[in-house]
């Protein structure tokens, strides 16, 4: 499940995922929020928290994640990923350099620092 978070600057879209993430989560929550933000902002910051109870992502959702990133490739300015899921943190660290945005991974205990960094 993905839910949109509030309390971030206008140029930031923020989400938290938990449990099992599906393609429907991307289609009904994440993609519409990104599209709406891009109507008012040229460059976006993304705050993405992966909760402690995250249990996986279905293949269709993984594809949608990739598609959203690539469709708006040059619209991302900063991306903060907050997670204790090692394989996700390692993947982002290994491939984050491919994004034109500044990408940083934070542990769940560092969420406040991630919020400060994404708002900078």
PDB file of N, CA and C in Angstrom:
ATOM      1  N   UNK A   1       0.839  -1.172   0.000  1.00  0.00           N
ATOM      2  CA  UNK A   1       0.000   0.000   0.000  1.00  0.00           C
ATOM      3  C   UNK A   1       0.891   1.246   0.000  1.00  0.00           C
ATOM      4  N   UNK A   2       0.493   2.234  -0.777  1.00  0.00           N
ATOM      5  CA  UNK A   2       1.177   3.526  -0.802  1.00  0.00           C
ATOM      6  C   UNK A   2       0.183   4.583  -0.352  1.00  0.00           C
ATOM      7  N   UNK A   3       0.635   5.461   0.555  1.00  0.00           N
ATOM      8  CA  UNK A   3      -0.201   6.596   0.929  1.00  0.00           C
ATOM      9  C   UNK A   3       0.618   7.868   0.756  1.00  0.00           C
ATOM     10  N   UNK A   4      -0.074   8.938   0.365  1.00  0.00           N
ATOM     11  CA  UNK A   4       0.583  10.225   0.203  1.00  0.00           C
ATOM     12  C   UNK A   4       0.697  10.885   1.569  1.00  0.00           C
ATOM     13  N   UNK A   5       1.841  11.523   1.815  1.00  0.00           N
ATOM     14  CA  UNK A   5       2.090  12.222   3.068  1.00  0.00           C
ATOM     15  C   UNK A   5       1.918  13.723   2.866  1.00  0.00           C
ATOM     16  N   UNK A   6       1.504  14.407   3.909  1.00  0.00           N
ATOM     17  CA  UNK A   6       1.345  15.858   3.852  1.00  0.00           C
ATOM     18  C   UNK A   6       2.400  16.520   4.726  1.00  0.00           C
ATOM     19  N   UNK A   7       2.416  17.862   4.683  1.00  0.00           N
ATOM     20  CA  UNK A   7       3.339  18.607   5.515  1.00  0.00           C
ATOM     21  C   UNK A   7       4.699  18.853   4.886  1.00  0.00           C
ATOM     22  N   UNK A   8       4.768  18.765   3.564  1.00  0.00           N
ATOM     23  CA  UNK A   8       6.010  18.993   2.832  1.00  0.00           C
ATOM     24  C   UNK A   8       5.868  20.248   1.978  1.00  0.00           C
ATOM     25  N   UNK A   9       6.990  20.842   1.539  1.00  0.00           N
ATOM     26  CA  UNK A   9       6.920  22.012   0.653  1.00  0.00           C
ATOM     27  C   UNK A   9       6.166  21.693  -0.643  1.00  0.00           C
ATOM     28  N   UNK A  10       5.704  22.734  -1.321  1.00  0.00           N
ATOM     29  CA  UNK A  10       4.905  22.580  -2.546  1.00  0.00           C
ATOM     30  C   UNK A  10       5.650  21.833  -3.652  1.00  0.00           C
ATOM     31  N   UNK A  11       6.974  21.917  -3.662  1.00  0.00           N
ATOM     32  CA  UNK A  11       7.746  21.244  -4.716  1.00  0.00           C
ATOM     33  C   UNK A  11       8.106  19.808  -4.351  1.00  0.00           C
ATOM     34  N   UNK A  12       7.501  19.284  -3.292  1.00  0.00           N
ATOM     35  CA  UNK A  12       7.831  17.933  -2.824  1.00  0.00           C
ATOM     36  C   UNK A  12       6.603  17.047  -2.843  1.00  0.00           C
ATOM     37  N   UNK A  13       6.745  15.881  -3.456  1.00  0.00           N
ATOM     38  CA  UNK A  13       5.730  14.839  -3.331  1.00  0.00           C
ATOM     39  C   UNK A  13       6.296  13.818  -2.345  1.00  0.00           C
ATOM     40  N   UNK A  14       5.454  13.380  -1.424  1.00  0.00           N
ATOM     41  CA  UNK A  14       5.921  12.508  -0.355  1.00  0.00           C
ATOM     42  C   UNK A  14       4.974  11.328  -0.190  1.00  0.00           C
ATOM     43  N   UNK A  15       5.575  10.165  -0.024  1.00  0.00           N
ATOM     44  CA  UNK A  15       4.796   8.930   0.068  1.00  0.00           C
ATOM     45  C   UNK A  15       5.396   8.011   1.112  1.00  0.00           C
ATOM     46  N   UNK A  16       4.549   7.135   1.632  1.00  0.00           N
ATOM     47  CA  UNK A  16       5.010   6.058   2.505  1.00  0.00           C
ATOM     48  C   UNK A  16       4.385   4.774   1.992  1.00  0.00           C
ATOM     49  N   UNK A  17       5.204   3.772   1.834  1.00  0.00           N
ATOM     50  CA  UNK A  17       4.666   2.475   1.431  1.00  0.00           C
ATOM     51  C   UNK A  17       4.818   1.495   2.587  1.00  0.00           C
ATOM     52  N   UNK A  18       3.875   0.593   2.658  1.00  0.00           N
ATOM     53  CA  UNK A  18       3.885  -0.426   3.700  1.00  0.00           C
ATOM     54  C   UNK A  18       3.226  -1.679   3.150  1.00  0.00           C
ATOM     55  N   UNK A  19       3.437  -2.769   3.842  1.00  0.00           N
ATOM     56  CA  UNK A  19       2.846  -4.017   3.400  1.00  0.00           C
ATOM     57  C   UNK A  19       3.281  -4.372   1.986  1.00  0.00           C
ATOM     58  N   UNK A  20       2.346  -4.885   1.211  1.00  0.00           N
ATOM     59  CA  UNK A  20       2.627  -5.296  -0.169  1.00  0.00           C
ATOM     60  C   UNK A  20       2.191  -4.176  -1.117  1.00  0.00           C
ATOM     61  N   UNK A  21       3.092  -3.722  -1.964  1.00  0.00           N
ATOM     62  CA  UNK A  21       2.823  -2.629  -2.892  1.00  0.00           C
ATOM     63  C   UNK A  21       2.376  -3.208  -4.238  1.00  0.00           C
ATOM     64  N   UNK A  22       1.277  -2.666  -4.765  1.00  0.00           N
ATOM     65  CA  UNK A  22       0.709  -3.171  -6.015  1.00  0.00           C
ATOM     66  C   UNK A  22       0.748  -2.105  -7.109  1.00  0.00           C
ATOM     67  N   UNK A  23       0.507  -2.550  -8.312  1.00  0.00           N
ATOM     68  CA  UNK A  23       0.420  -1.616  -9.435  1.00  0.00           C
ATOM     69  C   UNK A  23      -0.717  -0.619  -9.217  1.00  0.00           C
ATOM     70  N   UNK A  24      -1.792  -1.078  -8.643  1.00  0.00           N
ATOM     71  CA  UNK A  24      -2.931  -0.206  -8.363  1.00  0.00           C
ATOM     72  C   UNK A  24      -2.528   0.947  -7.439  1.00  0.00           C
ATOM     73  N   UNK A  25      -1.622   0.693  -6.500  1.00  0.00           N
ATOM     74  CA  UNK A  25      -1.138   1.764  -5.621  1.00  0.00           C
ATOM     75  C   UNK A  25      -0.489   2.876  -6.429  1.00  0.00           C
ATOM     76  N   UNK A  26       0.287   2.498  -7.431  1.00  0.00           N
ATOM     77  CA  UNK A  26       0.928   3.498  -8.289  1.00  0.00           C
ATOM     78  C   UNK A  26      -0.110   4.233  -9.132  1.00  0.00           C
ATOM     79  N   UNK A  27      -1.047   3.481  -9.683  1.00  0.00           N
ATOM     80  CA  UNK A  27      -2.047   4.072 -10.570  1.00  0.00           C
ATOM     81  C   UNK A  27      -3.022   5.000  -9.847  1.00  0.00           C
ATOM     82  N   UNK A  28      -3.349   4.706  -8.601  1.00  0.00           N
ATOM     83  CA  UNK A  28      -4.365   5.479  -7.896  1.00  0.00           C
ATOM     84  C   UNK A  28      -3.809   6.512  -6.914  1.00  0.00           C
ATOM     85  N   UNK A  29      -2.553   6.359  -6.494  1.00  0.00           N
ATOM     86  CA  UNK A  29      -1.991   7.268  -5.490  1.00  0.00           C
ATOM     87  C   UNK A  29      -0.783   8.033  -6.034  1.00  0.00           C
ATOM     88  N   UNK A  30       0.267   7.326  -6.373  1.00  0.00           N
ATOM     89  CA  UNK A  30       1.534   7.977  -6.700  1.00  0.00           C
ATOM     90  C   UNK A  30       1.488   8.743  -8.018  1.00  0.00           C
ATOM     91  N   UNK A  31       1.082   8.088  -9.085  1.00  0.00           N
ATOM     92  CA  UNK A  31       1.081   8.759 -10.388  1.00  0.00           C
ATOM     93  C   UNK A  31       0.188  10.000 -10.422  1.00  0.00           C
ATOM     94  N   UNK A  32      -1.041   9.952  -9.914  1.00  0.00           N
ATOM     95  CA  UNK A  32      -1.868  11.167  -9.934  1.00  0.00           C
ATOM     96  C   UNK A  32      -1.256  12.315  -9.114  1.00  0.00           C
ATOM     97  N   UNK A  33      -0.622  11.985  -8.002  1.00  0.00           N
ATOM     98  CA  UNK A  33      -0.012  13.030  -7.166  1.00  0.00           C
ATOM     99  C   UNK A  33       1.172  13.680  -7.879  1.00  0.00           C
ATOM    100  N   UNK A  34       1.988  12.877  -8.552  1.00  0.00           N
ATOM    101  CA  UNK A  34       3.125  13.416  -9.302  1.00  0.00           C
ATOM    102  C   UNK A  34       2.624  14.290 -10.448  1.00  0.00           C
ATOM    103  N   UNK A  35       1.650  13.815 -11.185  1.00  0.00           N
ATOM    104  CA  UNK A  35       1.108  14.593 -12.308  1.00  0.00           C
ATOM    105  C   UNK A  35       0.515  15.915 -11.826  1.00  0.00           C
ATOM    106  N   UNK A  36      -0.205  15.893 -10.717  1.00  0.00           N
ATOM    107  CA  UNK A  36      -0.800  17.120 -10.186  1.00  0.00           C
ATOM    108  C   UNK A  36       0.285  18.102  -9.752  1.00  0.00           C
ATOM    109  N   UNK A  37       1.326  17.621  -9.109  1.00  0.00           N
ATOM    110  CA  UNK A  37       2.417  18.492  -8.661  1.00  0.00           C
ATOM    111  C   UNK A  37       3.146  19.118  -9.840  1.00  0.00           C
ATOM    112  N   UNK A  38       3.279  18.370 -10.921  1.00  0.00           N
ATOM    113  CA  UNK A  38       3.994  18.881 -12.094  1.00  0.00           C
ATOM    114  C   UNK A  38       3.200  19.960 -12.842  1.00  0.00           C
ATOM    115  N   UNK A  39       1.943  20.121 -12.549  1.00  0.00           N
ATOM    116  CA  UNK A  39       1.168  21.210 -13.152  1.00  0.00           C
ATOM    117  C   UNK A  39       1.616  22.559 -12.611  1.00  0.00           C
ATOM    118  N   UNK A  40       2.130  22.558 -11.370  1.00  0.00           N
ATOM    119  CA  UNK A  40       2.550  23.804 -10.717  1.00  0.00           C
ATOM    120  C   UNK A  40       4.062  23.928 -10.553  1.00  0.00           C
ATOM    121  N   UNK A  41       4.774  22.840 -10.670  1.00  0.00           N
ATOM    122  CA  UNK A  41       6.217  22.822 -10.421  1.00  0.00           C
ATOM    123  C   UNK A  41       6.942  22.201 -11.610  1.00  0.00           C
ATOM    124  N   UNK A  42       8.081  22.778 -11.965  1.00  0.00           N
ATOM    125  CA  UNK A  42       8.882  22.205 -13.049  1.00  0.00           C
ATOM    126  C   UNK A  42       9.821  21.125 -12.533  1.00  0.00           C
ATOM    127  N   UNK A  43      10.347  21.325 -11.337  1.00  0.00           N
ATOM    128  CA  UNK A  43      11.261  20.385 -10.700  1.00  0.00           C
ATOM    129  C   UNK A  43      10.637  19.926  -9.392  1.00  0.00           C
ATOM    130  N   UNK A  44      10.739  18.647  -9.121  1.00  0.00           N
ATOM    131  CA  UNK A  44      10.144  18.077  -7.916  1.00  0.00           C
ATOM    132  C   UNK A  44      11.191  17.404  -7.037  1.00  0.00           C
ATOM    133  N   UNK A  45      10.899  17.414  -5.754  1.00  0.00           N
ATOM    134  CA  UNK A  45      11.624  16.610  -4.780  1.00  0.00           C
ATOM    135  C   UNK A  45      10.707  15.440  -4.437  1.00  0.00           C
ATOM    136  N   UNK A  46      11.297  14.280  -4.216  1.00  0.00           N
ATOM    137  CA  UNK A  46      10.528  13.089  -3.854  1.00  0.00           C
ATOM    138  C   UNK A  46      11.020  12.572  -2.512  1.00  0.00           C
ATOM    139  N   UNK A  47      10.094  12.439  -1.578  1.00  0.00           N
ATOM    140  CA  UNK A  47      10.357  11.815  -0.280  1.00  0.00           C
ATOM    141  C   UNK A  47       9.616  10.494  -0.312  1.00  0.00           C
ATOM    142  N   UNK A  48      10.331   9.378  -0.137  1.00  0.00           N
ATOM    143  CA  UNK A  48       9.719   8.059  -0.252  1.00  0.00           C
ATOM    144  C   UNK A  48      10.163   7.217   0.926  1.00  0.00           C
ATOM    145  N   UNK A  49       9.223   6.974   1.832  1.00  0.00           N
ATOM    146  CA  UNK A  49       9.508   6.185   3.034  1.00  0.00           C
ATOM    147  C   UNK A  49       8.983   4.773   2.842  1.00  0.00           C
ATOM    148  N   UNK A  50       9.836   3.820   3.107  1.00  0.00           N
ATOM    149  CA  UNK A  50       9.456   2.415   3.023  1.00  0.00           C
ATOM    150  C   UNK A  50       9.373   1.905   4.457  1.00  0.00           C
ATOM    151  N   UNK A  51       8.152   1.693   4.922  1.00  0.00           N
ATOM    152  CA  UNK A  51       7.903   1.344   6.312  1.00  0.00           C
ATOM    153  C   UNK A  51       8.516   0.014   6.729  1.00  0.00           C
ATOM    154  N   UNK A  52       8.616  -0.153   8.035  1.00  0.00           N
ATOM    155  CA  UNK A  52       9.221  -1.363   8.600  1.00  0.00           C
ATOM    156  C   UNK A  52       8.424  -2.619   8.240  1.00  0.00           C
ATOM    157  N   UNK A  53       7.128  -2.444   7.963  1.00  0.00           N
ATOM    158  CA  UNK A  53       6.302  -3.613   7.636  1.00  0.00           C
ATOM    159  C   UNK A  53       6.197  -3.871   6.130  1.00  0.00           C
ATOM    160  N   UNK A  54       7.056  -3.229   5.342  1.00  0.00           N
ATOM    161  CA  UNK A  54       7.080  -3.471   3.896  1.00  0.00           C
ATOM    162  C   UNK A  54       7.349  -4.953   3.652  1.00  0.00           C
ATOM    163  N   UNK A  55       6.499  -5.567   2.817  1.00  0.00           N
ATOM    164  CA  UNK A  55       6.653  -7.013   2.581  1.00  0.00           C
ATOM    165  C   UNK A  55       6.953  -7.358   1.129  1.00  0.00           C
ATOM    166  N   UNK A  56       6.993  -6.359   0.253  1.00  0.00           N
ATOM    167  CA  UNK A  56       7.349  -6.641  -1.128  1.00  0.00           C
ATOM    168  C   UNK A  56       6.565  -5.796  -2.114  1.00  0.00           C
ATOM    169  N   UNK A  57       6.951  -5.972  -3.366  1.00  0.00           N
ATOM    170  CA  UNK A  57       6.354  -5.203  -4.453  1.00  0.00           C
ATOM    171  C   UNK A  57       6.057  -6.161  -5.600  1.00  0.00           C
ATOM    172  N   UNK A  58       4.853  -6.086  -6.129  1.00  0.00           N
ATOM    173  CA  UNK A  58       4.506  -6.975  -7.244  1.00  0.00           C
ATOM    174  C   UNK A  58       5.209  -6.487  -8.510  1.00  0.00           C
ATOM    175  N   UNK A  59       5.465  -7.397  -9.468  1.00  0.00           N
ATOM    176  CA  UNK A  59       6.188  -7.013 -10.688  1.00  0.00           C
ATOM    177  C   UNK A  59       5.578  -5.827 -11.423  1.00  0.00           C
ATOM    178  N   UNK A  60       4.273  -5.747 -11.511  1.00  0.00           N
ATOM    179  CA  UNK A  60       3.628  -4.622 -12.190  1.00  0.00           C
ATOM    180  C   UNK A  60       3.894  -3.310 -11.486  1.00  0.00           C
ATOM    181  N   UNK A  61       3.998  -3.353 -10.176  1.00  0.00           N
ATOM    182  CA  UNK A  61       4.296  -2.138  -9.408  1.00  0.00           C
ATOM    183  C   UNK A  61       5.752  -1.724  -9.633  1.00  0.00           C
ATOM    184  N   UNK A  62       6.644  -2.697  -9.703  1.00  0.00           N
ATOM    185  CA  UNK A  62       8.055  -2.380  -9.967  1.00  0.00           C
ATOM    186  C   UNK A  62       8.187  -1.707 -11.332  1.00  0.00           C
ATOM    187  N   UNK A  63       7.443  -2.193 -12.296  1.00  0.00           N
ATOM    188  CA  UNK A  63       7.466  -1.581 -13.626  1.00  0.00           C
ATOM    189  C   UNK A  63       6.936  -0.149 -13.566  1.00  0.00           C
ATOM    190  N   UNK A  64       5.850   0.072 -12.849  1.00  0.00           N
ATOM    191  CA  UNK A  64       5.280   1.416 -12.726  1.00  0.00           C
ATOM    192  C   UNK A  64       6.251   2.361 -12.024  1.00  0.00           C
ATOM    193  N   UNK A  65       6.968   1.856 -11.034  1.00  0.00           N
ATOM    194  CA  UNK A  65       7.976   2.654 -10.341  1.00  0.00           C
ATOM    195  C   UNK A  65       9.033   3.131 -11.331  1.00  0.00           C
ATOM    196  N   UNK A  66       9.514   2.215 -12.137  1.00  0.00           N
ATOM    197  CA  UNK A  66      10.500   2.547 -13.167  1.00  0.00           C
ATOM    198  C   UNK A  66       9.910   3.537 -14.183  1.00  0.00           C
ATOM    199  N   UNK A  67       8.683   3.291 -14.610  1.00  0.00           N
ATOM    200  CA  UNK A  67       8.041   4.140 -15.624  1.00  0.00           C
ATOM    201  C   UNK A  67       7.841   5.564 -15.121  1.00  0.00           C
ATOM    202  N   UNK A  68       7.421   5.728 -13.878  1.00  0.00           N
ATOM    203  CA  UNK A  68       7.231   7.076 -13.326  1.00  0.00           C
ATOM    204  C   UNK A  68       8.579   7.790 -13.276  1.00  0.00           C
ATOM    205  N   UNK A  69       9.603   7.092 -12.825  1.00  0.00           N
ATOM    206  CA  UNK A  69      10.938   7.698 -12.765  1.00  0.00           C
ATOM    207  C   UNK A  69      11.446   8.121 -14.128  1.00  0.00           C
ATOM    208  N   UNK A  70      11.259   7.290 -15.124  1.00  0.00           N
ATOM    209  CA  UNK A  70      11.773   7.590 -16.459  1.00  0.00           C
ATOM    210  C   UNK A  70      10.910   8.618 -17.201  1.00  0.00           C
ATOM    211  N   UNK A  71       9.603   8.561 -17.028  1.00  0.00           N
ATOM    212  CA  UNK A  71       8.719   9.516 -17.695  1.00  0.00           C
ATOM    213  C   UNK A  71       9.051  10.941 -17.266  1.00  0.00           C
ATOM    214  N   UNK A  72       9.404  11.098 -16.025  1.00  0.00           N
ATOM    215  CA  UNK A  72       9.688  12.432 -15.468  1.00  0.00           C
ATOM    216  C   UNK A  72      11.170  12.558 -15.114  1.00  0.00           C
ATOM    217  N   UNK A  73      12.007  11.881 -15.851  1.00  0.00           N
ATOM    218  CA  UNK A  73      13.436  11.770 -15.569  1.00  0.00           C
ATOM    219  C   UNK A  73      14.089  13.112 -15.236  1.00  0.00           C
ATOM    220  N   UNK A  74      13.820  14.138 -16.032  1.00  0.00           N
ATOM    221  CA  UNK A  74      14.470  15.434 -15.830  1.00  0.00           C
ATOM    222  C   UNK A  74      13.697  16.362 -14.899  1.00  0.00           C
ATOM    223  N   UNK A  75      12.570  15.902 -14.375  1.00  0.00           N
ATOM    224  CA  UNK A  75      11.786  16.709 -13.437  1.00  0.00           C
ATOM    225  C   UNK A  75      12.199  16.493 -11.984  1.00  0.00           C
ATOM    226  N   UNK A  76      12.972  15.442 -11.724  1.00  0.00           N
ATOM    227  CA  UNK A  76      13.376  15.161 -10.346  1.00  0.00           C
ATOM    228  C   UNK A  76      14.618  15.969  -9.998  1.00  0.00           C
ATOM    229  N   UNK A  77      14.568  16.646  -8.856  1.00  0.00           N
ATOM    230  CA  UNK A  77      15.703  17.445  -8.400  1.00  0.00           C
ATOM    231  C   UNK A  77      16.391  16.807  -7.194  1.00  0.00           C
ATOM    232  N   UNK A  78      15.598  16.299  -6.267  1.00  0.00           N
ATOM    233  CA  UNK A  78      16.120  15.607  -5.079  1.00  0.00           C
ATOM    234  C   UNK A  78      15.221  14.421  -4.788  1.00  0.00           C
ATOM    235  N   UNK A  79      15.842  13.328  -4.375  1.00  0.00           N
ATOM    236  CA  UNK A  79      15.086  12.139  -3.997  1.00  0.00           C
ATOM    237  C   UNK A  79      15.661  11.617  -2.682  1.00  0.00           C
ATOM    238  N   UNK A  80      14.802  11.554  -1.680  1.00  0.00           N
ATOM    239  CA  UNK A  80      15.184  10.984  -0.384  1.00  0.00           C
ATOM    240  C   UNK A  80      14.405   9.687  -0.204  1.00  0.00           C
ATOM    241  N   UNK A  81      15.117   8.609   0.012  1.00  0.00           N
ATOM    242  CA  UNK A  81      14.482   7.317   0.273  1.00  0.00           C
ATOM    243  C   UNK A  81      14.818   6.943   1.714  1.00  0.00           C
ATOM    244  N   UNK A  82      13.783   6.696   2.501  1.00  0.00           N
ATOM    245  CA  UNK A  82      13.943   6.362   3.910  1.00  0.00           C
ATOM    246  C   UNK A  82      13.560   4.894   4.075  1.00  0.00           C
ATOM    247  N   UNK A  83      14.532   4.068   4.427  1.00  0.00           N
ATOM    248  CA  UNK A  83      14.267   2.631   4.502  1.00  0.00           C
ATOM    249  C   UNK A  83      15.313   1.905   5.339  1.00  0.00           C
ATOM    250  N   UNK A  84      14.882   0.828   5.933  1.00  0.00           N
ATOM    251  CA  UNK A  84      15.791  -0.113   6.580  1.00  0.00           C
ATOM    252  C   UNK A  84      15.874  -1.410   5.776  1.00  0.00           C
ATOM    253  N   UNK A  85      15.245  -1.431   4.610  1.00  0.00           N
ATOM    254  CA  UNK A  85      15.282  -2.625   3.749  1.00  0.00           C
ATOM    255  C   UNK A  85      16.600  -2.582   2.979  1.00  0.00           C
ATOM    256  N   UNK A  86      17.500  -3.476   3.362  1.00  0.00           N
ATOM    257  CA  UNK A  86      18.865  -3.445   2.830  1.00  0.00           C
ATOM    258  C   UNK A  86      18.940  -3.525   1.309  1.00  0.00           C
ATOM    259  N   UNK A  87      18.171  -4.427   0.690  1.00  0.00           N
ATOM    260  CA  UNK A  87      18.309  -4.587  -0.761  1.00  0.00           C
ATOM    261  C   UNK A  87      17.853  -3.329  -1.503  1.00  0.00           C
ATOM    262  N   UNK A  88      16.896  -2.612  -0.956  1.00  0.00           N
ATOM    263  CA  UNK A  88      16.451  -1.372  -1.584  1.00  0.00           C
ATOM    264  C   UNK A  88      17.517  -0.289  -1.407  1.00  0.00           C
ATOM    265  N   UNK A  89      18.027  -0.157  -0.192  1.00  0.00           N
ATOM    266  CA  UNK A  89      19.072   0.845   0.072  1.00  0.00           C
ATOM    267  C   UNK A  89      20.300   0.594  -0.797  1.00  0.00           C
ATOM    268  N   UNK A  90      20.707  -0.677  -0.924  1.00  0.00           N
ATOM    269  CA  UNK A  90      21.878  -1.007  -1.747  1.00  0.00           C
ATOM    270  C   UNK A  90      21.618  -0.744  -3.225  1.00  0.00           C
ATOM    271  N   UNK A  91      20.429  -1.066  -3.697  1.00  0.00           N
ATOM    272  CA  UNK A  91      20.085  -0.819  -5.110  1.00  0.00           C
ATOM    273  C   UNK A  91      20.111   0.669  -5.429  1.00  0.00           C
ATOM    274  N   UNK A  92      19.553   1.459  -4.552  1.00  0.00           N
ATOM    275  CA  UNK A  92      19.533   2.908  -4.783  1.00  0.00           C
ATOM    276  C   UNK A  92      20.939   3.472  -4.726  1.00  0.00           C
ATOM    277  N   UNK A  93      21.720   3.004  -3.777  1.00  0.00           N
ATOM    278  CA  UNK A  93      23.109   3.467  -3.679  1.00  0.00           C
ATOM    279  C   UNK A  93      23.907   3.080  -4.920  1.00  0.00           C
ATOM    280  N   UNK A  94      23.642   1.895  -5.459  1.00  0.00           N
ATOM    281  CA  UNK A  94      24.384   1.414  -6.625  1.00  0.00           C
ATOM    282  C   UNK A  94      23.971   2.116  -7.917  1.00  0.00           C
ATOM    283  N   UNK A  95      22.684   2.448  -8.055  1.00  0.00           N
ATOM    284  CA  UNK A  95      22.199   2.981  -9.321  1.00  0.00           C
ATOM    285  C   UNK A  95      21.723   4.431  -9.254  1.00  0.00           C
ATOM    286  N   UNK A  96      21.751   5.037  -8.090  1.00  0.00           N
ATOM    287  CA  UNK A  96      21.293   6.410  -7.934  1.00  0.00           C
ATOM    288  C   UNK A  96      22.048   7.405  -8.788  1.00  0.00           C
ATOM    289  N   UNK A  97      23.312   7.083  -9.073  1.00  0.00           N
ATOM    290  CA  UNK A  97      24.121   8.000  -9.897  1.00  0.00           C
ATOM    291  C   UNK A  97      23.560   8.141 -11.312  1.00  0.00           C
ATOM    292  N   UNK A  98      22.717   7.246 -11.740  1.00  0.00           N
ATOM    293  CA  UNK A  98      22.128   7.319 -13.074  1.00  0.00           C
ATOM    294  C   UNK A  98      21.031   8.379 -13.176  1.00  0.00           C
ATOM    295  N   UNK A  99      20.572   8.845 -12.052  1.00  0.00           N
ATOM    296  CA  UNK A  99      19.521   9.866 -12.039  1.00  0.00           C
ATOM    297  C   UNK A  99      20.154  11.251 -12.092  1.00  0.00           C
ATOM    298  N   UNK A 100      19.516  12.188 -12.778  1.00  0.00           N
ATOM    299  CA  UNK A 100      20.036  13.555 -12.788  1.00  0.00           C
ATOM    300  C   UNK A 100      19.788  14.266 -11.458  1.00  0.00           C
ATOM    301  N   UNK A 101      18.964  13.689 -10.613  1.00  0.00           N
ATOM    302  CA  UNK A 101      18.646  14.262  -9.303  1.00  0.00           C
ATOM    303  C   UNK A 101      19.705  13.876  -8.272  1.00  0.00           C
ATOM    304  N   UNK A 102      19.732  14.635  -7.188  1.00  0.00           N
ATOM    305  CA  UNK A 102      20.522  14.238  -6.028  1.00  0.00           C
ATOM    306  C   UNK A 102      19.703  13.172  -5.314  1.00  0.00           C
ATOM    307  N   UNK A 103      20.316  12.023  -5.067  1.00  0.00           N
ATOM    308  CA  UNK A 103      19.624  10.899  -4.451  1.00  0.00           C
ATOM    309  C   UNK A 103      20.354  10.539  -3.162  1.00  0.00           C
ATOM    310  N   UNK A 104      19.585  10.392  -2.086  1.00  0.00           N
ATOM    311  CA  UNK A 104      20.184  10.050  -0.809  1.00  0.00           C
ATOM    312  C   UNK A 104      19.292   9.050  -0.087  1.00  0.00           C
ATOM    313  N   UNK A 105      19.925   8.063   0.542  1.00  0.00           N
ATOM    314  CA  UNK A 105      19.210   7.039   1.300  1.00  0.00           C
ATOM    315  C   UNK A 105      19.417   7.312   2.791  1.00  0.00           C
ATOM    316  N   UNK A 106      18.327   7.198   3.535  1.00  0.00           N
ATOM    317  CA  UNK A 106      18.347   7.391   4.982  1.00  0.00           C
ATOM    318  C   UNK A 106      17.746   6.163   5.660  1.00  0.00           C
ATOM    319  N   UNK A 107      18.191   5.864   6.857  1.00  0.00           N
ATOM    320  CA  UNK A 107      17.581   4.819   7.681  1.00  0.00           C
ATOM    321  C   UNK A 107      16.274   5.371   8.261  1.00  0.00           C
ATOM    322  N   UNK A 108      15.385   4.485   8.691  1.00  0.00           N
ATOM    323  CA  UNK A 108      14.122   4.926   9.285  1.00  0.00           C
ATOM    324  C   UNK A 108      14.369   5.833  10.497  1.00  0.00           C
ATOM    325  N   UNK A 109      15.394   5.552  11.267  1.00  0.00           N
ATOM    326  CA  UNK A 109      15.719   6.374  12.435  1.00  0.00           C
ATOM    327  C   UNK A 109      16.192   7.772  12.041  1.00  0.00           C
ATOM    328  N   UNK A 110      16.529   7.975  10.778  1.00  0.00           N
ATOM    329  CA  UNK A 110      17.006   9.257  10.276  1.00  0.00           C
ATOM    330  C   UNK A 110      15.925  10.028   9.510  1.00  0.00           C
ATOM    331  N   UNK A 111      14.667   9.683   9.725  1.00  0.00           N
ATOM    332  CA  UNK A 111      13.580  10.314   8.970  1.00  0.00           C
ATOM    333  C   UNK A 111      13.579  11.831   9.108  1.00  0.00           C
ATOM    334  N   UNK A 112      13.832  12.349  10.302  1.00  0.00           N
ATOM    335  CA  UNK A 112      13.845  13.807  10.494  1.00  0.00           C
ATOM    336  C   UNK A 112      14.942  14.456   9.639  1.00  0.00           C
ATOM    337  N   UNK A 113      16.102  13.834   9.565  1.00  0.00           N
ATOM    338  CA  UNK A 113      17.189  14.357   8.725  1.00  0.00           C
ATOM    339  C   UNK A 113      16.797  14.291   7.256  1.00  0.00           C
ATOM    340  N   UNK A 114      16.101  13.239   6.864  1.00  0.00           N
ATOM    341  CA  UNK A 114      15.656  13.111   5.468  1.00  0.00           C
ATOM    342  C   UNK A 114      14.656  14.207   5.126  1.00  0.00           C
ATOM    343  N   UNK A 115      13.752  14.506   6.041  1.00  0.00           N
ATOM    344  CA  UNK A 115      12.778  15.587   5.821  1.00  0.00           C
ATOM    345  C   UNK A 115      13.481  16.931   5.688  1.00  0.00           C
ATOM    346  N   UNK A 116      14.489  17.176   6.539  1.00  0.00           N
ATOM    347  CA  UNK A 116      15.253  18.420   6.437  1.00  0.00           C
ATOM    348  C   UNK A 116      15.989  18.501   5.103  1.00  0.00           C
ATOM    349  N   UNK A 117      16.599  17.396   4.693  1.00  0.00           N
ATOM    350  CA  UNK A 117      17.387  17.375   3.461  1.00  0.00           C
ATOM    351  C   UNK A 117      16.483  17.594   2.244  1.00  0.00           C
ATOM    352  N   UNK A 118      15.327  16.957   2.218  1.00  0.00           N
ATOM    353  CA  UNK A 118      14.451  17.072   1.048  1.00  0.00           C
ATOM    354  C   UNK A 118      13.865  18.475   0.942  1.00  0.00           C
ATOM    355  N   UNK A 119      13.723  19.163   2.066  1.00  0.00           N
ATOM    356  CA  UNK A 119      13.162  20.507   2.072  1.00  0.00           C
ATOM    357  C   UNK A 119      14.202  21.570   1.720  1.00  0.00           C
ATOM    358  N   UNK A 120      15.477  21.220   1.728  1.00  0.00           N
ATOM    359  CA  UNK A 120      16.550  22.195   1.482  1.00  0.00           C
ATOM    360  C   UNK A 120      16.543  22.676   0.030  1.00  0.00           C
TER     361      UNK A 120
END
